[in-house]
Amino acid sequence: MAVTTVPLQTNTLKAVLWMMGALASFTTMALAGRELTQEMSVFQALSFRSIICVAVLTGIAAFRRFEGIRTERIGLHLARNTVHFAGQFGWVYGLSLLPLAAVFSIEFTVPIWTAILAAMFLGEPFTRWRMIAVAMGFVGILIVVRPGAAMLDVAAFAVLGAAMAYAATYVFTRHMASTERPFAIVFWMNLIQLPLGLIPALTMWVTPSPENYIWIAAIGLGGLCSHWCVAHAMRHADAAVVAPMDFIRLPIIAVIGYLFYAEPWNPYVLIGGVLIFSGNMINLWGERRRR
């Protein structure tokens, strides 16, 4: 039986609205990670995120009569989500120590590492556009962390490692997409990561203060809503339209860091972030032109 493909309709306004939801979710997650790690370990903060996500996703799966979550590739799910959890740990750890804008700038290197890993393990072509993006990304990283400056510390390397881990996760997802449904990937991601965070968290458990309950809810629901919003934005507009909106996260988080945490305005972080993001956009437009 032939499969009918329905073309997606372009609606830039809807894409913008969905991306606004994604930006709000990513920013909320960052603030929640910063606030929670002032009181508890990174493991405990991540375990709260997984508990909320698993509860919500299990409810959705039950409503669907658990259709679409069966898998015969549990080994790949375990590998993918162990790497992703390491990325989550590095990202939240960086949030607890680095300026928020610096974390977001370094995170923008994810597409660069994805291009490198996809060429190595999936046989995707390493085109000149990708080479330009990689070169600009490395220069941008050097500008952000500035070897010899105070920014070059363990936390900066943790966030850089998180970006690499996220890139590896995307490569796993591309490899699994032919057999695994998106809901199954997200469901197993949160279910597998729950014990990875909860077991070490129990050894250093801290009873959350009442004022942190809102941040516990924020880190869980923000994690679900962010990817949900991005997926819907991509349904209504091309990636070349959606991707530039993601960069708005950097000035927004820089302003929030300045207003609420007295983080100084660092022009090097903004310049490096612009360079990294520009490399990503050159790669995106170049690949579209090549195809």
C-alpha atoms as a PDB file:
ATOM      1  CA  MET A   1       0.000   0.000   0.000  1.00  0.00           C
ATOM      2  CA  ALA A   2       1.459   3.339  -1.044  1.00  0.00           C
ATOM      3  CA  VAL A   3       2.099   5.932   1.629  1.00  0.00           C
ATOM      4  CA  THR A   4       0.662   9.360   0.876  1.00  0.00           C
ATOM      5  CA  THR A   5       2.820  12.270   1.943  1.00  0.00           C
ATOM      6  CA  VAL A   6       1.011  15.481   2.764  1.00  0.00           C
ATOM      7  CA  PRO A   7       3.179  18.549   2.136  1.00  0.00           C
ATOM      8  CA  LEU A   8       3.554  20.914   5.043  1.00  0.00           C
ATOM      9  CA  GLN A   9       2.026  24.340   4.584  1.00  0.00           C
ATOM     10  CA  THR A  10       4.223  27.352   5.211  1.00  0.00           C
ATOM     11  CA  ASN A  11       2.873  29.722   7.841  1.00  0.00           C
ATOM     12  CA  THR A  12       5.603  32.009   9.102  1.00  0.00           C
ATOM     13  CA  LEU A  13       3.425  33.608  11.784  1.00  0.00           C
ATOM     14  CA  LYS A  14       2.655  30.223  13.350  1.00  0.00           C
ATOM     15  CA  ALA A  15       6.348  29.283  13.164  1.00  0.00           C
ATOM     16  CA  VAL A  16       7.276  32.507  14.963  1.00  0.00           C
ATOM     17  CA  LEU A  17       4.681  31.878  17.687  1.00  0.00           C
ATOM     18  CA  TRP A  18       5.886  28.306  18.234  1.00  0.00           C
ATOM     19  CA  MET A  19       9.502  29.486  18.386  1.00  0.00           C
ATOM     20  CA  MET A  20       8.534  32.105  20.968  1.00  0.00           C
ATOM     21  CA  GLY A  21       7.228  29.209  23.052  1.00  0.00           C
ATOM     22  CA  ALA A  22      10.500  27.346  22.500  1.00  0.00           C
ATOM     23  CA  LEU A  23      12.584  30.374  23.504  1.00  0.00           C
ATOM     24  CA  ALA A  24      10.514  30.816  26.658  1.00  0.00           C
ATOM     25  CA  SER A  25      10.902  27.101  27.479  1.00  0.00           C
ATOM     26  CA  PHE A  26      14.686  27.012  26.942  1.00  0.00           C
ATOM     27  CA  THR A  27      15.131  30.166  29.003  1.00  0.00           C
ATOM     28  CA  THR A  28      12.898  28.824  31.773  1.00  0.00           C
ATOM     29  CA  MET A  29      14.901  25.593  31.869  1.00  0.00           C
ATOM     30  CA  ALA A  30      18.149  27.538  32.183  1.00  0.00           C
ATOM     31  CA  LEU A  31      16.809  29.658  35.046  1.00  0.00           C
ATOM     32  CA  ALA A  32      15.387  26.589  36.783  1.00  0.00           C
ATOM     33  CA  GLY A  33      18.722  24.798  36.501  1.00  0.00           C
ATOM     34  CA  ARG A  34      20.535  27.820  37.934  1.00  0.00           C
ATOM     35  CA  GLU A  35      18.109  28.197  40.866  1.00  0.00           C
ATOM     36  CA  LEU A  36      17.856  24.512  41.782  1.00  0.00           C
ATOM     37  CA  THR A  37      21.607  23.888  41.761  1.00  0.00           C
ATOM     38  CA  GLN A  38      22.058  26.621  44.350  1.00  0.00           C
ATOM     39  CA  GLU A  39      20.325  24.266  46.798  1.00  0.00           C
ATOM     40  CA  MET A  40      20.768  20.736  45.470  1.00  0.00           C
ATOM     41  CA  SER A  41      23.096  18.652  43.320  1.00  0.00           C
ATOM     42  CA  VAL A  42      22.922  18.562  39.526  1.00  0.00           C
ATOM     43  CA  PHE A  43      21.856  14.906  39.794  1.00  0.00           C
ATOM     44  CA  GLN A  44      18.857  15.800  41.950  1.00  0.00           C
ATOM     45  CA  ALA A  45      17.787  18.632  39.640  1.00  0.00           C
ATOM     46  CA  LEU A  46      17.953  16.274  36.648  1.00  0.00           C
ATOM     47  CA  SER A  47      16.082  13.547  38.507  1.00  0.00           C
ATOM     48  CA  PHE A  48      13.206  15.968  39.172  1.00  0.00           C
ATOM     49  CA  ARG A  49      13.138  16.769  35.470  1.00  0.00           C
ATOM     50  CA  SER A  50      12.966  13.090  34.547  1.00  0.00           C
ATOM     51  CA  ILE A  51      10.289  12.307  37.146  1.00  0.00           C
ATOM     52  CA  ILE A  52       7.977  14.994  35.753  1.00  0.00           C
ATOM     53  CA  CYS A  53       8.650  14.036  32.135  1.00  0.00           C
ATOM     54  CA  VAL A  54       8.108  10.324  32.779  1.00  0.00           C
ATOM     55  CA  ALA A  55       4.844  11.035  34.603  1.00  0.00           C
ATOM     56  CA  VAL A  56       3.503  13.186  31.754  1.00  0.00           C
ATOM     57  CA  LEU A  57       4.688  10.844  28.993  1.00  0.00           C
ATOM     58  CA  THR A  58       3.341   7.746  30.773  1.00  0.00           C
ATOM     59  CA  GLY A  59      -0.052   9.434  30.979  1.00  0.00           C
ATOM     60  CA  ILE A  60       0.050  10.161  27.247  1.00  0.00           C
ATOM     61  CA  ALA A  61       1.205   6.613  26.494  1.00  0.00           C
ATOM     62  CA  ALA A  62      -1.622   5.166  28.600  1.00  0.00           C
ATOM     63  CA  PHE A  63      -4.129   7.310  26.713  1.00  0.00           C
ATOM     64  CA  ARG A  64      -2.706   5.834  23.499  1.00  0.00           C
ATOM     65  CA  ARG A  65      -2.904   2.336  25.017  1.00  0.00           C
ATOM     66  CA  PHE A  66       0.900   2.238  24.960  1.00  0.00           C
ATOM     67  CA  GLU A  67       1.018   2.084  21.187  1.00  0.00           C
ATOM     68  CA  GLY A  68       4.165   3.353  19.525  1.00  0.00           C
ATOM     69  CA  ILE A  69       6.627   2.865  22.399  1.00  0.00           C
ATOM     70  CA  ARG A  70       7.683  -0.729  21.738  1.00  0.00           C
ATOM     71  CA  THR A  71      11.262  -1.102  20.582  1.00  0.00           C
ATOM     72  CA  GLU A  72      13.657  -3.830  19.551  1.00  0.00           C
ATOM     73  CA  ARG A  73      16.672  -1.521  19.787  1.00  0.00           C
ATOM     74  CA  ILE A  74      16.862  -1.024  23.527  1.00  0.00           C
ATOM     75  CA  GLY A  75      20.659  -1.193  23.383  1.00  0.00           C
ATOM     76  CA  LEU A  76      20.780   1.868  21.132  1.00  0.00           C
ATOM     77  CA  HIS A  77      18.336   3.655  23.424  1.00  0.00           C
ATOM     78  CA  LEU A  78      20.590   2.915  26.398  1.00  0.00           C
ATOM     79  CA  ALA A  79      23.689   4.182  24.582  1.00  0.00           C
ATOM     80  CA  ARG A  80      21.941   7.280  23.222  1.00  0.00           C
ATOM     81  CA  ASN A  81      20.451   8.312  26.523  1.00  0.00           C
ATOM     82  CA  THR A  82      23.570   7.675  28.579  1.00  0.00           C
ATOM     83  CA  VAL A  83      25.395  10.102  26.285  1.00  0.00           C
ATOM     84  CA  HIS A  84      22.478  12.558  26.400  1.00  0.00           C
ATOM     85  CA  PHE A  85      22.368  12.416  30.186  1.00  0.00           C
ATOM     86  CA  ALA A  86      26.074  13.273  30.295  1.00  0.00           C
ATOM     87  CA  GLY A  87      25.271  16.269  28.090  1.00  0.00           C
ATOM     88  CA  GLN A  88      22.428  17.326  30.372  1.00  0.00           C
ATOM     89  CA  PHE A  89      24.726  17.069  33.378  1.00  0.00           C
ATOM     90  CA  GLY A  90      27.423  19.214  31.743  1.00  0.00           C
ATOM     91  CA  TRP A  91      24.883  21.826  30.646  1.00  0.00           C
ATOM     92  CA  VAL A  92      23.246  22.198  34.070  1.00  0.00           C
ATOM     93  CA  TYR A  93      26.657  22.122  35.797  1.00  0.00           C
ATOM     94  CA  GLY A  94      27.767  24.965  33.544  1.00  0.00           C
ATOM     95  CA  LEU A  95      24.610  26.912  34.343  1.00  0.00           C
ATOM     96  CA  SER A  96      25.445  26.735  38.037  1.00  0.00           C
ATOM     97  CA  LEU A  97      28.884  28.339  37.576  1.00  0.00           C
ATOM     98  CA  LEU A  98      29.145  30.263  34.301  1.00  0.00           C
ATOM     99  CA  PRO A  99      27.351  33.386  33.059  1.00  0.00           C
ATOM    100  CA  LEU A 100      24.121  32.309  31.388  1.00  0.00           C
ATOM    101  CA  ALA A 101      25.045  33.948  28.070  1.00  0.00           C
ATOM    102  CA  ALA A 102      28.344  32.029  27.959  1.00  0.00           C
ATOM    103  CA  VAL A 103      26.525  28.710  28.379  1.00  0.00           C
ATOM    104  CA  PHE A 104      24.146  29.512  25.522  1.00  0.00           C
ATOM    105  CA  SER A 105      26.987  30.689  23.264  1.00  0.00           C
ATOM    106  CA  ILE A 106      28.953  27.468  23.727  1.00  0.00           C
ATOM    107  CA  GLU A 107      25.765  25.444  23.259  1.00  0.00           C
ATOM    108  CA  PHE A 108      25.383  26.903  19.760  1.00  0.00           C
ATOM    109  CA  THR A 109      28.332  24.707  18.691  1.00  0.00           C
ATOM    110  CA  VAL A 110      26.083  21.621  18.695  1.00  0.00           C
ATOM    111  CA  PRO A 111      25.452  21.709  14.896  1.00  0.00           C
ATOM    112  CA  ILE A 112      29.204  21.948  14.309  1.00  0.00           C
ATOM    113  CA  TRP A 113      29.957  18.794  16.291  1.00  0.00           C
ATOM    114  CA  THR A 114      26.958  17.106  14.671  1.00  0.00           C
ATOM    115  CA  ALA A 115      28.404  17.756  11.207  1.00  0.00           C
ATOM    116  CA  ILE A 116      31.754  16.263  12.236  1.00  0.00           C
ATOM    117  CA  LEU A 117      30.251  13.166  13.878  1.00  0.00           C
ATOM    118  CA  ALA A 118      27.746  12.599  11.046  1.00  0.00           C
ATOM    119  CA  ALA A 119      30.618  12.628   8.552  1.00  0.00           C
ATOM    120  CA  MET A 120      32.585  10.159  10.691  1.00  0.00           C
ATOM    121  CA  PHE A 121      29.838   7.681  11.601  1.00  0.00           C
ATOM    122  CA  LEU A 122      26.980   8.154   9.115  1.00  0.00           C
ATOM    123  CA  GLY A 123      29.024   8.816   5.992  1.00  0.00           C
ATOM    124  CA  GLU A 124      27.439  12.224   5.406  1.00  0.00           C
ATOM    125  CA  PRO A 125      29.506  14.473   3.106  1.00  0.00           C
ATOM    126  CA  PHE A 126      31.793  16.972   4.804  1.00  0.00           C
ATOM    127  CA  THR A 127      31.201  19.799   2.344  1.00  0.00           C
ATOM    128  CA  ARG A 128      32.999  23.121   2.104  1.00  0.00           C
ATOM    129  CA  TRP A 129      30.017  24.762   3.799  1.00  0.00           C
ATOM    130  CA  ARG A 130      30.417  22.477   6.782  1.00  0.00           C
ATOM    131  CA  MET A 131      34.154  23.135   6.823  1.00  0.00           C
ATOM    132  CA  ILE A 132      33.458  26.893   6.954  1.00  0.00           C
ATOM    133  CA  ALA A 133      30.949  26.375   9.783  1.00  0.00           C
ATOM    134  CA  VAL A 134      33.439  24.273  11.764  1.00  0.00           C
ATOM    135  CA  ALA A 135      36.218  26.837  11.300  1.00  0.00           C
ATOM    136  CA  MET A 136      33.988  29.731  12.355  1.00  0.00           C
ATOM    137  CA  GLY A 137      32.726  27.699  15.292  1.00  0.00           C
ATOM    138  CA  PHE A 138      36.203  27.011  16.616  1.00  0.00           C
ATOM    139  CA  VAL A 139      37.168  30.667  16.309  1.00  0.00           C
ATOM    140  CA  GLY A 140      33.938  31.605  18.093  1.00  0.00           C
ATOM    141  CA  ILE A 141      34.723  29.198  20.946  1.00  0.00           C
ATOM    142  CA  LEU A 142      38.180  30.739  21.363  1.00  0.00           C
ATOM    143  CA  ILE A 143      36.620  34.205  21.535  1.00  0.00           C
ATOM    144  CA  VAL A 144      34.061  33.113  24.146  1.00  0.00           C
ATOM    145  CA  VAL A 145      36.430  31.256  26.477  1.00  0.00           C
ATOM    146  CA  ARG A 146      39.569  33.318  25.624  1.00  0.00           C
ATOM    147  CA  PRO A 147      42.456  31.042  26.697  1.00  0.00           C
ATOM    148  CA  GLY A 148      44.140  32.651  29.667  1.00  0.00           C
ATOM    149  CA  ALA A 149      40.954  34.413  30.803  1.00  0.00           C
ATOM    150  CA  ALA A 150      38.807  33.517  33.806  1.00  0.00           C
ATOM    151  CA  MET A 151      36.205  31.920  31.510  1.00  0.00           C
ATOM    152  CA  LEU A 152      38.555  29.033  30.707  1.00  0.00           C
ATOM    153  CA  ASP A 153      37.732  26.675  33.567  1.00  0.00           C
ATOM    154  CA  VAL A 154      36.173  23.278  34.231  1.00  0.00           C
ATOM    155  CA  ALA A 155      32.625  24.579  33.778  1.00  0.00           C
ATOM    156  CA  ALA A 156      33.383  25.902  30.270  1.00  0.00           C
ATOM    157  CA  PHE A 157      34.811  22.530  29.263  1.00  0.00           C
ATOM    158  CA  ALA A 158      31.752  20.835  30.811  1.00  0.00           C
ATOM    159  CA  VAL A 159      29.411  22.870  28.588  1.00  0.00           C
ATOM    160  CA  LEU A 160      31.602  22.221  25.556  1.00  0.00           C
ATOM    161  CA  GLY A 161      31.443  18.506  26.388  1.00  0.00           C
ATOM    162  CA  ALA A 162      27.665  18.843  26.718  1.00  0.00           C
ATOM    163  CA  ALA A 163      27.491  20.315  23.204  1.00  0.00           C
ATOM    164  CA  MET A 164      29.477  17.340  21.883  1.00  0.00           C
ATOM    165  CA  ALA A 165      27.195  14.936  23.750  1.00  0.00           C
ATOM    166  CA  TYR A 166      24.093  16.603  22.290  1.00  0.00           C
ATOM    167  CA  ALA A 167      25.646  16.289  18.825  1.00  0.00           C
ATOM    168  CA  ALA A 168      26.253  12.571  19.397  1.00  0.00           C
ATOM    169  CA  THR A 169      22.637  12.265  20.515  1.00  0.00           C
ATOM    170  CA  TYR A 170      21.456  13.797  17.227  1.00  0.00           C
ATOM    171  CA  VAL A 171      23.600  11.317  15.293  1.00  0.00           C
ATOM    172  CA  PHE A 172      22.040   8.452  17.280  1.00  0.00           C
ATOM    173  CA  THR A 173      18.582   9.848  16.543  1.00  0.00           C
ATOM    174  CA  ARG A 174      19.245  10.046  12.806  1.00  0.00           C
ATOM    175  CA  HIS A 175      20.420   6.443  12.865  1.00  0.00           C
ATOM    176  CA  MET A 176      17.344   5.292  14.795  1.00  0.00           C
ATOM    177  CA  ALA A 177      14.737   7.410  12.984  1.00  0.00           C
ATOM    178  CA  SER A 178      14.057   4.741  10.354  1.00  0.00           C
ATOM    179  CA  THR A 179      12.668   2.286  12.924  1.00  0.00           C
ATOM    180  CA  GLU A 180      11.808   4.284  16.053  1.00  0.00           C
ATOM    181  CA  ARG A 181       8.889   6.663  16.388  1.00  0.00           C
ATOM    182  CA  PRO A 182       9.588  10.136  17.805  1.00  0.00           C
ATOM    183  CA  PHE A 183       7.349   9.513  20.824  1.00  0.00           C
ATOM    184  CA  ALA A 184       9.192   6.275  21.592  1.00  0.00           C
ATOM    185  CA  ILE A 185      12.550   8.049  21.424  1.00  0.00           C
ATOM    186  CA  VAL A 186      11.400  10.736  23.867  1.00  0.00           C
ATOM    187  CA  PHE A 187       9.665   8.227  26.164  1.00  0.00           C
ATOM    188  CA  TRP A 188      12.679   5.926  26.481  1.00  0.00           C
ATOM    189  CA  MET A 189      14.991   8.914  26.826  1.00  0.00           C
ATOM    190  CA  ASN A 190      13.281  10.080  30.002  1.00  0.00           C
ATOM    191  CA  LEU A 191      12.660   6.595  31.393  1.00  0.00           C
ATOM    192  CA  ILE A 192      16.322   5.572  31.017  1.00  0.00           C
ATOM    193  CA  GLN A 193      17.646   8.867  32.356  1.00  0.00           C
ATOM    194  CA  LEU A 194      15.473   8.706  35.477  1.00  0.00           C
ATOM    195  CA  PRO A 195      17.641   6.141  37.346  1.00  0.00           C
ATOM    196  CA  LEU A 196      20.833   7.703  35.959  1.00  0.00           C
ATOM    197  CA  GLY A 197      20.017  10.861  37.888  1.00  0.00           C
ATOM    198  CA  LEU A 198      17.995   9.494  40.797  1.00  0.00           C
ATOM    199  CA  ILE A 199      20.423   6.832  42.077  1.00  0.00           C
ATOM    200  CA  PRO A 200      23.381   9.217  42.650  1.00  0.00           C
ATOM    201  CA  ALA A 201      20.959  11.934  43.803  1.00  0.00           C
ATOM    202  CA  LEU A 202      19.696   9.734  46.648  1.00  0.00           C
ATOM    203  CA  THR A 203      23.195   9.633  48.151  1.00  0.00           C
ATOM    204  CA  MET A 204      23.195  13.432  48.557  1.00  0.00           C
ATOM    205  CA  TRP A 205      19.465  14.184  48.712  1.00  0.00           C
ATOM    206  CA  VAL A 206      18.325  17.587  49.927  1.00  0.00           C
ATOM    207  CA  THR A 207      14.713  18.321  50.799  1.00  0.00           C
ATOM    208  CA  PRO A 208      13.696  21.163  48.463  1.00  0.00           C
ATOM    209  CA  SER A 209      12.574  24.391  50.033  1.00  0.00           C
ATOM    210  CA  PRO A 210       8.965  25.403  49.229  1.00  0.00           C
ATOM    211  CA  GLU A 211      10.081  28.317  47.034  1.00  0.00           C
ATOM    212  CA  ASN A 212      11.860  25.869  44.724  1.00  0.00           C
ATOM    213  CA  TYR A 213       8.753  23.835  43.914  1.00  0.00           C
ATOM    214  CA  ILE A 214       7.965  26.192  41.046  1.00  0.00           C
ATOM    215  CA  TRP A 215      11.471  25.687  39.624  1.00  0.00           C
ATOM    216  CA  ILE A 216      11.108  21.909  39.902  1.00  0.00           C
ATOM    217  CA  ALA A 217       7.955  22.107  37.795  1.00  0.00           C
ATOM    218  CA  ALA A 218       9.665  24.522  35.406  1.00  0.00           C
ATOM    219  CA  ILE A 219      12.672  22.291  34.666  1.00  0.00           C
ATOM    220  CA  GLY A 220      10.414  19.327  33.911  1.00  0.00           C
ATOM    221  CA  LEU A 221       7.705  21.003  31.867  1.00  0.00           C
ATOM    222  CA  GLY A 222      10.210  23.297  30.153  1.00  0.00           C
ATOM    223  CA  GLY A 223      12.133  20.269  28.935  1.00  0.00           C
ATOM    224  CA  LEU A 224       9.018  18.808  27.331  1.00  0.00           C
ATOM    225  CA  CYS A 225       7.630  22.043  25.908  1.00  0.00           C
ATOM    226  CA  SER A 226      10.881  23.249  24.329  1.00  0.00           C
ATOM    227  CA  HIS A 227      11.283  20.356  21.896  1.00  0.00           C
ATOM    228  CA  TRP A 228       7.536  20.171  21.283  1.00  0.00           C
ATOM    229  CA  CYS A 229       7.522  23.844  20.228  1.00  0.00           C
ATOM    230  CA  VAL A 230      10.572  23.513  17.972  1.00  0.00           C
ATOM    231  CA  ALA A 231       9.048  20.486  16.230  1.00  0.00           C
ATOM    232  CA  HIS A 232       5.850  22.422  15.519  1.00  0.00           C
ATOM    233  CA  ALA A 233       7.774  25.485  14.334  1.00  0.00           C
ATOM    234  CA  MET A 234       9.580  23.273  11.814  1.00  0.00           C
ATOM    235  CA  ARG A 235       6.206  22.073  10.520  1.00  0.00           C
ATOM    236  CA  HIS A 236       5.164  25.613   9.597  1.00  0.00           C
ATOM    237  CA  ALA A 237       8.366  27.052   8.131  1.00  0.00           C
ATOM    238  CA  ASP A 238      11.685  26.037   6.618  1.00  0.00           C
ATOM    239  CA  ALA A 239      14.692  25.548   8.882  1.00  0.00           C
ATOM    240  CA  ALA A 240      16.294  28.633   7.321  1.00  0.00           C
ATOM    241  CA  VAL A 241      13.409  30.665   8.766  1.00  0.00           C
ATOM    242  CA  VAL A 242      13.203  28.917  12.142  1.00  0.00           C
ATOM    243  CA  ALA A 243      16.913  28.583  12.987  1.00  0.00           C
ATOM    244  CA  PRO A 244      17.753  32.317  13.133  1.00  0.00           C
ATOM    245  CA  MET A 245      15.017  32.810  15.732  1.00  0.00           C
ATOM    246  CA  ASP A 246      16.852  30.468  18.075  1.00  0.00           C
ATOM    247  CA  PHE A 247      19.725  32.947  18.285  1.00  0.00           C
ATOM    248  CA  ILE A 248      17.409  35.403  20.065  1.00  0.00           C
ATOM    249  CA  ARG A 249      18.037  33.231  23.129  1.00  0.00           C
ATOM    250  CA  LEU A 250      21.499  34.750  23.529  1.00  0.00           C
ATOM    251  CA  PRO A 251      20.597  38.448  23.980  1.00  0.00           C
ATOM    252  CA  ILE A 252      17.521  37.497  26.026  1.00  0.00           C
ATOM    253  CA  ILE A 253      19.534  35.389  28.469  1.00  0.00           C
ATOM    254  CA  ALA A 254      22.277  38.041  28.591  1.00  0.00           C
ATOM    255  CA  VAL A 255      19.718  40.648  29.686  1.00  0.00           C
ATOM    256  CA  ILE A 256      18.198  38.255  32.245  1.00  0.00           C
ATOM    257  CA  GLY A 257      21.645  37.439  33.621  1.00  0.00           C
ATOM    258  CA  TYR A 258      22.420  41.152  33.942  1.00  0.00           C
ATOM    259  CA  LEU A 259      19.113  42.076  35.611  1.00  0.00           C
ATOM    260  CA  PHE A 260      18.657  39.148  37.998  1.00  0.00           C
ATOM    261  CA  TYR A 261      22.177  37.854  38.653  1.00  0.00           C
ATOM    262  CA  ALA A 262      24.269  41.002  38.111  1.00  0.00           C
ATOM    263  CA  GLU A 263      26.287  39.218  35.445  1.00  0.00           C
ATOM    264  CA  PRO A 264      28.457  41.772  33.610  1.00  0.00           C
ATOM    265  CA  TRP A 265      27.819  42.408  29.940  1.00  0.00           C
ATOM    266  CA  ASN A 266      30.593  40.553  28.130  1.00  0.00           C
ATOM    267  CA  PRO A 267      31.093  41.652  24.500  1.00  0.00           C
ATOM    268  CA  TYR A 268      33.381  38.662  23.819  1.00  0.00           C
ATOM    269  CA  VAL A 269      30.549  36.236  24.568  1.00  0.00           C
ATOM    270  CA  LEU A 270      28.217  38.061  22.185  1.00  0.00           C
ATOM    271  CA  ILE A 271      30.842  38.327  19.432  1.00  0.00           C
ATOM    272  CA  GLY A 272      31.792  34.660  19.776  1.00  0.00           C
ATOM    273  CA  GLY A 273      28.134  33.623  19.842  1.00  0.00           C
ATOM    274  CA  VAL A 274      27.401  35.633  16.691  1.00  0.00           C
ATOM    275  CA  LEU A 275      30.370  34.015  14.928  1.00  0.00           C
ATOM    276  CA  ILE A 276      29.338  30.488  15.953  1.00  0.00           C
ATOM    277  CA  PHE A 277      25.745  31.058  14.913  1.00  0.00           C
ATOM    278  CA  SER A 278      26.774  32.685  11.615  1.00  0.00           C
ATOM    279  CA  GLY A 279      28.801  29.596  10.778  1.00  0.00           C
ATOM    280  CA  ASN A 280      25.751  27.442  11.413  1.00  0.00           C
ATOM    281  CA  MET A 281      23.607  29.614   9.144  1.00  0.00           C
ATOM    282  CA  ILE A 282      26.218  29.595   6.356  1.00  0.00           C
ATOM    283  CA  ASN A 283      26.235  25.804   6.543  1.00  0.00           C
ATOM    284  CA  LEU A 284      22.420  25.659   6.443  1.00  0.00           C
ATOM    285  CA  TRP A 285      22.085  27.991   3.463  1.00  0.00           C
ATOM    286  CA  GLY A 286      25.021  26.412   1.665  1.00  0.00           C
ATOM    287  CA  GLU A 287      23.542  22.922   1.988  1.00  0.00           C
ATOM    288  CA  ARG A 288      20.202  24.136   0.667  1.00  0.00           C
ATOM    289  CA  ARG A 289      21.955  25.729  -2.305  1.00  0.00           C
ATOM    290  CA  ARG A 290      23.969  22.558  -2.977  1.00  0.00           C
ATOM    291  CA  ARG A 291      20.842  20.407  -3.000  1.00  0.00           C
END
